[in-house]
Amino acid sequence: MKRTHTDDNAILHLALRWAPYGGVPSSEIWVAFGVSPDRFYSTLTQILGTLAARGLSPEQRQSLEHLVLRHFRSPAGGRHLAQRTMR
């Protein structure tokens, strides 16, 4: 998935909208971006380290980081992908 600034903002917006509910449903991710949840959350991790995330409040950033960790720690998530992404 080749990303643009608009894509990054859309990913942030979708993740923030679903953060209070424990994360974005896989069906929403597929409809919006045509990627797997693992790819979505891996991309979200990358975005959090870019200028696209500069407008996030500390609470929003923490909420999104928590979503990523929860996804990759869950049995259905990518398990160790978060560790590989952080390297």
N, C-alpha and C. Protein backbone atom coordinates (compact mmCIF):
# COMPACT_ATOMS: atom_id res chain seq x y z
N MET A 1 0.85 -1.18 0.00
CA MET A 1 0.00 0.00 0.00
C MET A 1 0.90 1.24 0.00
N LYS A 2 0.91 1.96 -1.08
CA LYS A 2 1.67 3.21 -1.15
C LYS A 2 0.81 4.28 -0.50
N ARG A 3 1.36 4.93 0.52
CA ARG A 3 0.58 5.89 1.31
C ARG A 3 0.85 7.32 0.88
N THR A 4 -0.18 8.12 1.05
CA THR A 4 -0.05 9.56 0.89
C THR A 4 -0.39 10.21 2.23
N HIS A 5 -0.15 11.51 2.31
CA HIS A 5 -0.52 12.25 3.52
C HIS A 5 -2.01 12.11 3.79
N THR A 6 -2.81 12.10 2.74
CA THR A 6 -4.26 11.94 2.88
C THR A 6 -4.58 10.57 3.46
N ASP A 7 -3.89 9.53 2.99
CA ASP A 7 -4.09 8.18 3.53
C ASP A 7 -3.73 8.14 5.01
N ASP A 8 -2.61 8.76 5.36
CA ASP A 8 -2.19 8.78 6.76
C ASP A 8 -3.25 9.43 7.63
N ASN A 9 -3.77 10.54 7.18
CA ASN A 9 -4.83 11.23 7.95
C ASN A 9 -6.08 10.38 8.06
N ALA A 10 -6.44 9.68 6.98
CA ALA A 10 -7.62 8.82 7.01
C ALA A 10 -7.43 7.66 7.99
N ILE A 11 -6.24 7.10 8.02
CA ILE A 11 -5.94 6.01 8.95
C ILE A 11 -6.01 6.51 10.39
N LEU A 12 -5.41 7.65 10.65
CA LEU A 12 -5.48 8.23 11.99
C LEU A 12 -6.92 8.50 12.40
N HIS A 13 -7.69 9.08 11.49
CA HIS A 13 -9.08 9.43 11.78
C HIS A 13 -9.90 8.17 12.12
N LEU A 14 -9.74 7.12 11.30
CA LEU A 14 -10.49 5.88 11.53
C LEU A 14 -10.08 5.26 12.87
N ALA A 15 -8.79 5.22 13.14
CA ALA A 15 -8.32 4.63 14.40
C ALA A 15 -8.82 5.41 15.60
N LEU A 16 -8.79 6.74 15.50
CA LEU A 16 -9.28 7.57 16.61
C LEU A 16 -10.78 7.38 16.82
N ARG A 17 -11.51 7.24 15.74
CA ARG A 17 -12.96 7.07 15.84
C ARG A 17 -13.31 5.77 16.57
N TRP A 18 -12.52 4.72 16.33
CA TRP A 18 -12.82 3.42 16.92
C TRP A 18 -12.06 3.15 18.21
N ALA A 19 -11.14 4.00 18.59
CA ALA A 19 -10.33 3.76 19.80
C ALA A 19 -11.16 3.53 21.06
N PRO A 20 -12.23 4.30 21.28
CA PRO A 20 -13.02 4.06 22.50
C PRO A 20 -13.70 2.69 22.54
N TYR A 21 -13.76 2.03 21.39
CA TYR A 21 -14.44 0.74 21.31
C TYR A 21 -13.47 -0.43 21.22
N GLY A 22 -12.19 -0.18 21.44
CA GLY A 22 -11.22 -1.26 21.46
C GLY A 22 -10.50 -1.52 20.15
N GLY A 23 -10.76 -0.75 19.14
CA GLY A 23 -10.06 -0.92 17.87
C GLY A 23 -11.01 -0.95 16.69
N VAL A 24 -10.43 -0.85 15.52
CA VAL A 24 -11.21 -0.81 14.28
C VAL A 24 -11.57 -2.24 13.87
N PRO A 25 -12.85 -2.50 13.61
CA PRO A 25 -13.24 -3.84 13.13
C PRO A 25 -12.55 -4.15 11.80
N SER A 26 -12.20 -5.41 11.62
CA SER A 26 -11.50 -5.80 10.39
C SER A 26 -12.31 -5.48 9.15
N SER A 27 -13.64 -5.57 9.25
CA SER A 27 -14.48 -5.25 8.09
C SER A 27 -14.37 -3.78 7.71
N GLU A 28 -14.26 -2.90 8.70
CA GLU A 28 -14.10 -1.46 8.44
C GLU A 28 -12.74 -1.19 7.78
N ILE A 29 -11.72 -1.88 8.27
CA ILE A 29 -10.38 -1.71 7.70
C ILE A 29 -10.38 -2.15 6.24
N TRP A 30 -11.00 -3.29 5.97
CA TRP A 30 -11.02 -3.80 4.60
C TRP A 30 -11.79 -2.86 3.67
N VAL A 31 -12.95 -2.40 4.10
CA VAL A 31 -13.75 -1.51 3.26
C VAL A 31 -13.02 -0.20 2.99
N ALA A 32 -12.39 0.36 4.01
CA ALA A 32 -11.74 1.67 3.87
C ALA A 32 -10.42 1.60 3.12
N PHE A 33 -9.63 0.53 3.35
CA PHE A 33 -8.26 0.51 2.82
C PHE A 33 -7.89 -0.75 2.05
N GLY A 34 -8.71 -1.79 2.14
CA GLY A 34 -8.42 -3.02 1.41
C GLY A 34 -7.18 -3.74 1.90
N VAL A 35 -6.91 -3.64 3.20
CA VAL A 35 -5.75 -4.32 3.78
C VAL A 35 -6.19 -5.11 5.02
N SER A 36 -5.31 -5.99 5.46
CA SER A 36 -5.58 -6.78 6.66
C SER A 36 -5.42 -5.90 7.90
N PRO A 37 -6.00 -6.33 9.02
CA PRO A 37 -5.78 -5.59 10.27
C PRO A 37 -4.30 -5.50 10.64
N ASP A 38 -3.52 -6.57 10.41
CA ASP A 38 -2.09 -6.50 10.72
C ASP A 38 -1.41 -5.39 9.92
N ARG A 39 -1.74 -5.30 8.66
CA ARG A 39 -1.15 -4.25 7.80
C ARG A 39 -1.60 -2.87 8.27
N PHE A 40 -2.88 -2.74 8.61
CA PHE A 40 -3.42 -1.47 9.08
C PHE A 40 -2.69 -0.99 10.33
N TYR A 41 -2.57 -1.88 11.33
CA TYR A 41 -1.95 -1.48 12.59
C TYR A 41 -0.44 -1.29 12.45
N SER A 42 0.20 -2.02 11.56
CA SER A 42 1.60 -1.80 11.27
C SER A 42 1.80 -0.42 10.64
N THR A 43 0.91 -0.07 9.72
CA THR A 43 0.96 1.24 9.07
C THR A 43 0.67 2.34 10.09
N LEU A 44 -0.28 2.11 10.97
CA LEU A 44 -0.59 3.09 12.02
C LEU A 44 0.63 3.33 12.88
N THR A 45 1.37 2.29 13.21
CA THR A 45 2.60 2.43 13.99
C THR A 45 3.59 3.34 13.27
N GLN A 46 3.73 3.14 11.98
CA GLN A 46 4.64 3.97 11.19
C GLN A 46 4.17 5.43 11.18
N ILE A 47 2.88 5.62 11.01
CA ILE A 47 2.32 6.98 10.95
C ILE A 47 2.55 7.73 12.25
N LEU A 48 2.47 7.03 13.37
CA LEU A 48 2.67 7.69 14.66
C LEU A 48 4.07 8.29 14.80
N GLY A 49 4.99 7.86 13.95
CA GLY A 49 6.33 8.42 13.97
C GLY A 49 6.57 9.48 12.90
N THR A 50 5.50 9.95 12.25
CA THR A 50 5.64 10.92 11.17
C THR A 50 5.00 12.26 11.54
N LEU A 51 5.18 13.22 10.65
CA LEU A 51 4.57 14.54 10.84
C LEU A 51 3.04 14.49 10.81
N ALA A 52 2.48 13.49 10.16
CA ALA A 52 1.03 13.38 10.10
C ALA A 52 0.40 13.28 11.48
N ALA A 53 1.17 12.77 12.44
CA ALA A 53 0.65 12.58 13.80
C ALA A 53 0.96 13.76 14.72
N ARG A 54 1.55 14.80 14.20
CA ARG A 54 1.97 15.92 15.05
C ARG A 54 0.81 16.64 15.71
N GLY A 55 -0.36 16.59 15.12
CA GLY A 55 -1.52 17.28 15.67
C GLY A 55 -2.26 16.49 16.74
N LEU A 56 -1.81 15.29 17.03
CA LEU A 56 -2.48 14.48 18.04
C LEU A 56 -2.16 15.01 19.44
N SER A 57 -3.16 14.97 20.29
CA SER A 57 -2.92 15.30 21.69
C SER A 57 -2.16 14.13 22.32
N PRO A 58 -1.52 14.35 23.46
CA PRO A 58 -0.85 13.23 24.13
C PRO A 58 -1.82 12.08 24.44
N GLU A 59 -3.04 12.41 24.78
CA GLU A 59 -4.04 11.38 25.09
C GLU A 59 -4.39 10.58 23.84
N GLN A 60 -4.55 11.26 22.71
CA GLN A 60 -4.86 10.57 21.46
C GLN A 60 -3.72 9.65 21.05
N ARG A 61 -2.50 10.15 21.13
CA ARG A 61 -1.33 9.34 20.77
C ARG A 61 -1.26 8.10 21.66
N GLN A 62 -1.44 8.29 22.96
CA GLN A 62 -1.39 7.17 23.89
C GLN A 62 -2.49 6.15 23.57
N SER A 63 -3.66 6.63 23.26
CA SER A 63 -4.78 5.76 22.91
C SER A 63 -4.46 4.92 21.68
N LEU A 64 -3.88 5.55 20.65
CA LEU A 64 -3.55 4.82 19.43
C LEU A 64 -2.40 3.84 19.65
N GLU A 65 -1.42 4.23 20.43
CA GLU A 65 -0.33 3.31 20.75
C GLU A 65 -0.86 2.10 21.51
N HIS A 66 -1.80 2.33 22.39
CA HIS A 66 -2.41 1.24 23.14
C HIS A 66 -3.17 0.30 22.20
N LEU A 67 -3.89 0.86 21.22
CA LEU A 67 -4.60 0.03 20.24
C LEU A 67 -3.65 -0.87 19.48
N VAL A 68 -2.53 -0.30 19.04
CA VAL A 68 -1.54 -1.08 18.29
C VAL A 68 -1.01 -2.22 19.15
N LEU A 69 -0.62 -1.91 20.37
CA LEU A 69 -0.10 -2.95 21.26
C LEU A 69 -1.15 -4.03 21.53
N ARG A 70 -2.38 -3.61 21.76
CA ARG A 70 -3.45 -4.58 22.02
C ARG A 70 -3.66 -5.48 20.82
N HIS A 71 -3.63 -4.90 19.63
CA HIS A 71 -3.84 -5.71 18.43
C HIS A 71 -2.75 -6.78 18.29
N PHE A 72 -1.50 -6.37 18.42
CA PHE A 72 -0.41 -7.31 18.18
C PHE A 72 -0.18 -8.27 19.34
N ARG A 73 -0.74 -7.98 20.49
CA ARG A 73 -0.64 -8.91 21.62
C ARG A 73 -1.80 -9.90 21.64
N SER A 74 -2.86 -9.62 20.90
CA SER A 74 -4.02 -10.51 20.89
C SER A 74 -3.71 -11.75 20.06
N PRO A 75 -4.37 -12.87 20.38
CA PRO A 75 -4.14 -14.10 19.61
C PRO A 75 -4.46 -13.92 18.12
N ALA A 76 -5.42 -13.07 17.79
CA ALA A 76 -5.79 -12.88 16.39
C ALA A 76 -4.85 -11.92 15.68
N GLY A 77 -4.10 -11.13 16.45
CA GLY A 77 -3.21 -10.14 15.85
C GLY A 77 -1.91 -10.74 15.36
N GLY A 78 -1.01 -9.91 14.96
CA GLY A 78 0.25 -10.35 14.37
C GLY A 78 1.28 -10.79 15.38
N ARG A 79 0.93 -10.91 16.62
CA ARG A 79 1.75 -11.38 17.70
C ARG A 79 3.07 -10.63 17.84
N HIS A 80 4.05 -10.96 17.07
CA HIS A 80 5.38 -10.38 17.25
C HIS A 80 5.69 -9.29 16.23
N LEU A 81 4.74 -8.94 15.40
CA LEU A 81 4.98 -7.93 14.38
C LEU A 81 5.34 -6.59 15.00
N ALA A 82 4.74 -6.26 16.14
CA ALA A 82 5.05 -4.98 16.78
C ALA A 82 6.52 -4.90 17.14
N GLN A 83 7.10 -5.99 17.57
CA GLN A 83 8.52 -6.01 17.91
C GLN A 83 9.36 -5.78 16.66
N ARG A 84 8.99 -6.42 15.55
CA ARG A 84 9.74 -6.26 14.31
C ARG A 84 9.61 -4.84 13.78
N THR A 85 8.45 -4.24 13.94
CA THR A 85 8.22 -2.88 13.45
C THR A 85 9.03 -1.88 14.24
N MET A 86 9.24 -2.13 15.52
CA MET A 86 9.93 -1.19 16.38
C MET A 86 11.44 -1.16 16.13
N ARG A 87 11.98 -2.17 15.48
CA ARG A 87 13.44 -2.24 15.25
C ARG A 87 13.90 -1.18 14.31
